Amino acid sequence: MKTRIIHAVAGTMVLTSLLLGIFVHQNWFYLTGFVGLNLFQSSFTNWCLLGIILAKFGWNDDDGSCKC
């Protein structure tokens, strides 16, 4: 469940910042790049700040697929 939440939050942030970059101001594209960069580094390091925060609130994967 935690992995789904992480993907949903990342996807929402990317889509929101993309729309804000198109309709409000171009600087919102930096947020899109930041989220993408964090997803990229997470694929190598298996470290995710949102995963750590969710674990502290009690959201954990039952199958152990996310080691965040």
N, C-alpha and C. Protein backbone atom coordinates (compact mmCIF):
# COMPACT_ATOMS: atom_id res chain seq x y z
N MET A 1 0.82 -1.19 0.00
CA MET A 1 0.00 0.00 0.00
C MET A 1 0.87 1.26 0.00
N LYS A 2 1.98 1.19 0.73
CA LYS A 2 2.87 2.36 0.82
C LYS A 2 3.43 2.70 -0.56
N THR A 3 3.77 1.71 -1.35
CA THR A 3 4.31 1.95 -2.68
C THR A 3 3.28 2.64 -3.57
N ARG A 4 2.03 2.23 -3.46
CA ARG A 4 0.97 2.87 -4.24
C ARG A 4 0.80 4.33 -3.85
N ILE A 5 0.89 4.62 -2.56
CA ILE A 5 0.76 6.00 -2.09
C ILE A 5 1.91 6.84 -2.64
N ILE A 6 3.13 6.29 -2.60
CA ILE A 6 4.29 7.02 -3.10
C ILE A 6 4.13 7.31 -4.59
N HIS A 7 3.69 6.34 -5.35
CA HIS A 7 3.50 6.54 -6.79
C HIS A 7 2.38 7.55 -7.06
N ALA A 8 1.31 7.49 -6.28
CA ALA A 8 0.20 8.43 -6.46
C ALA A 8 0.63 9.86 -6.15
N VAL A 9 1.38 10.05 -5.09
CA VAL A 9 1.85 11.39 -4.72
C VAL A 9 2.81 11.93 -5.78
N ALA A 10 3.75 11.09 -6.22
CA ALA A 10 4.71 11.53 -7.24
C ALA A 10 3.99 11.88 -8.55
N GLY A 11 3.07 11.04 -8.97
CA GLY A 11 2.33 11.31 -10.19
C GLY A 11 1.50 12.57 -10.10
N THR A 12 0.85 12.78 -8.96
CA THR A 12 0.06 13.98 -8.76
C THR A 12 0.92 15.22 -8.79
N MET A 13 2.09 15.15 -8.16
CA MET A 13 2.99 16.30 -8.17
C MET A 13 3.50 16.61 -9.57
N VAL A 14 3.83 15.59 -10.33
CA VAL A 14 4.32 15.81 -11.69
C VAL A 14 3.22 16.43 -12.55
N LEU A 15 2.02 15.87 -12.52
CA LEU A 15 0.94 16.40 -13.34
C LEU A 15 0.54 17.81 -12.92
N THR A 16 0.49 18.06 -11.61
CA THR A 16 0.13 19.39 -11.12
C THR A 16 1.18 20.43 -11.52
N SER A 17 2.45 20.10 -11.33
CA SER A 17 3.50 21.06 -11.68
C SER A 17 3.58 21.25 -13.19
N LEU A 18 3.27 20.23 -13.95
CA LEU A 18 3.24 20.37 -15.40
C LEU A 18 2.14 21.34 -15.83
N LEU A 19 0.95 21.18 -15.27
CA LEU A 19 -0.15 22.10 -15.59
C LEU A 19 0.15 23.52 -15.11
N LEU A 20 0.73 23.65 -13.92
CA LEU A 20 1.09 24.97 -13.42
C LEU A 20 2.16 25.61 -14.29
N GLY A 21 3.09 24.80 -14.80
CA GLY A 21 4.12 25.33 -15.67
C GLY A 21 3.57 25.82 -17.00
N ILE A 22 2.54 25.15 -17.49
CA ILE A 22 1.94 25.55 -18.76
C ILE A 22 1.06 26.79 -18.59
N PHE A 23 0.25 26.81 -17.54
CA PHE A 23 -0.77 27.84 -17.41
C PHE A 23 -0.42 28.99 -16.47
N VAL A 24 0.53 28.81 -15.56
CA VAL A 24 0.84 29.86 -14.58
C VAL A 24 2.20 30.48 -14.85
N HIS A 25 3.25 29.70 -14.65
CA HIS A 25 4.61 30.24 -14.84
C HIS A 25 5.56 29.08 -15.12
N GLN A 26 6.56 29.35 -15.94
CA GLN A 26 7.49 28.31 -16.36
C GLN A 26 8.35 27.76 -15.24
N ASN A 27 8.53 28.48 -14.17
CA ASN A 27 9.37 28.00 -13.08
C ASN A 27 8.81 26.76 -12.38
N TRP A 28 7.52 26.47 -12.58
CA TRP A 28 6.94 25.26 -11.99
C TRP A 28 7.53 23.99 -12.60
N PHE A 29 8.15 24.10 -13.77
CA PHE A 29 8.77 22.93 -14.39
C PHE A 29 9.95 22.42 -13.57
N TYR A 30 10.53 23.28 -12.73
CA TYR A 30 11.61 22.82 -11.85
C TYR A 30 11.10 21.77 -10.86
N LEU A 31 9.88 21.92 -10.40
CA LEU A 31 9.30 20.91 -9.50
C LEU A 31 9.13 19.58 -10.23
N THR A 32 8.71 19.64 -11.49
CA THR A 32 8.60 18.41 -12.29
C THR A 32 9.95 17.71 -12.39
N GLY A 33 10.98 18.48 -12.68
CA GLY A 33 12.33 17.91 -12.76
C GLY A 33 12.83 17.37 -11.44
N PHE A 34 12.51 18.07 -10.36
CA PHE A 34 12.93 17.63 -9.03
C PHE A 34 12.29 16.28 -8.66
N VAL A 35 11.01 16.15 -8.93
CA VAL A 35 10.32 14.89 -8.63
C VAL A 35 10.90 13.76 -9.49
N GLY A 36 11.11 14.04 -10.77
CA GLY A 36 11.71 13.04 -11.65
C GLY A 36 13.10 12.62 -11.21
N LEU A 37 13.89 13.59 -10.77
CA LEU A 37 15.24 13.29 -10.29
C LEU A 37 15.20 12.43 -9.03
N ASN A 38 14.27 12.73 -8.14
CA ASN A 38 14.14 11.92 -6.92
C ASN A 38 13.68 10.50 -7.24
N LEU A 39 12.78 10.34 -8.20
CA LEU A 39 12.37 8.99 -8.61
C LEU A 39 13.54 8.23 -9.21
N PHE A 40 14.36 8.94 -9.99
CA PHE A 40 15.53 8.31 -10.60
C PHE A 40 16.53 7.85 -9.55
N GLN A 41 16.86 8.73 -8.59
CA GLN A 41 17.82 8.34 -7.55
C GLN A 41 17.26 7.24 -6.67
N SER A 42 15.95 7.23 -6.47
CA SER A 42 15.33 6.19 -5.66
C SER A 42 15.46 4.81 -6.31
N SER A 43 15.49 4.78 -7.63
CA SER A 43 15.62 3.50 -8.32
C SER A 43 17.00 2.88 -8.10
N PHE A 44 18.02 3.71 -7.82
CA PHE A 44 19.36 3.19 -7.58
C PHE A 44 19.65 2.98 -6.10
N THR A 45 19.21 3.91 -5.27
CA THR A 45 19.58 3.85 -3.86
C THR A 45 18.55 3.15 -2.99
N ASN A 46 17.32 2.99 -3.50
CA ASN A 46 16.22 2.39 -2.74
C ASN A 46 15.92 3.19 -1.48
N TRP A 47 16.17 4.50 -1.53
CA TRP A 47 15.89 5.41 -0.42
C TRP A 47 14.86 6.42 -0.87
N CYS A 48 13.80 6.58 -0.08
CA CYS A 48 12.71 7.47 -0.44
C CYS A 48 12.23 8.18 0.83
N LEU A 49 12.32 9.51 0.85
CA LEU A 49 11.93 10.27 2.03
C LEU A 49 10.45 10.08 2.36
N LEU A 50 9.60 10.11 1.33
CA LEU A 50 8.17 9.91 1.58
C LEU A 50 7.90 8.52 2.15
N GLY A 51 8.67 7.53 1.71
CA GLY A 51 8.51 6.18 2.26
C GLY A 51 8.85 6.12 3.74
N ILE A 52 9.87 6.85 4.14
CA ILE A 52 10.26 6.91 5.55
C ILE A 52 9.18 7.61 6.37
N ILE A 53 8.65 8.72 5.82
CA ILE A 53 7.60 9.46 6.51
C ILE A 53 6.35 8.60 6.67
N LEU A 54 5.96 7.90 5.61
CA LEU A 54 4.78 7.03 5.69
C LEU A 54 4.98 5.88 6.67
N ALA A 55 6.19 5.35 6.74
CA ALA A 55 6.47 4.27 7.69
C ALA A 55 6.33 4.75 9.13
N LYS A 56 6.72 5.99 9.38
CA LYS A 56 6.57 6.54 10.73
C LYS A 56 5.11 6.73 11.11
N PHE A 57 4.26 6.94 10.09
CA PHE A 57 2.83 7.06 10.35
C PHE A 57 2.11 5.72 10.33
N GLY A 58 2.86 4.63 10.15
CA GLY A 58 2.28 3.31 10.24
C GLY A 58 1.90 2.67 8.92
N TRP A 59 2.18 3.31 7.81
CA TRP A 59 1.87 2.71 6.49
C TRP A 59 3.06 1.88 6.06
N ASN A 60 2.89 0.58 6.00
CA ASN A 60 3.96 -0.31 5.57
C ASN A 60 3.43 -1.28 4.52
N ASP A 61 4.34 -1.72 3.63
CA ASP A 61 3.97 -2.73 2.65
C ASP A 61 3.92 -4.08 3.33
N ASP A 62 2.87 -4.85 3.01
CA ASP A 62 2.75 -6.19 3.60
C ASP A 62 3.71 -7.17 2.95
N ASP A 63 3.98 -6.98 1.65
CA ASP A 63 4.86 -7.93 0.96
C ASP A 63 6.34 -7.55 1.07
N GLY A 64 6.66 -6.41 1.63
CA GLY A 64 8.05 -6.01 1.81
C GLY A 64 8.74 -5.59 0.54
N SER A 65 7.98 -5.20 -0.49
CA SER A 65 8.60 -4.88 -1.78
C SER A 65 9.32 -3.54 -1.75
N CYS A 66 8.91 -2.62 -0.90
CA CYS A 66 9.55 -1.31 -0.83
C CYS A 66 10.37 -1.23 0.44
N LYS A 67 11.66 -1.03 0.30
CA LYS A 67 12.57 -1.00 1.45
C LYS A 67 12.84 0.43 1.91
N CYS A 68 11.97 1.35 1.55
CA CYS A 68 12.17 2.77 1.89
C CYS A 68 12.09 2.98 3.39
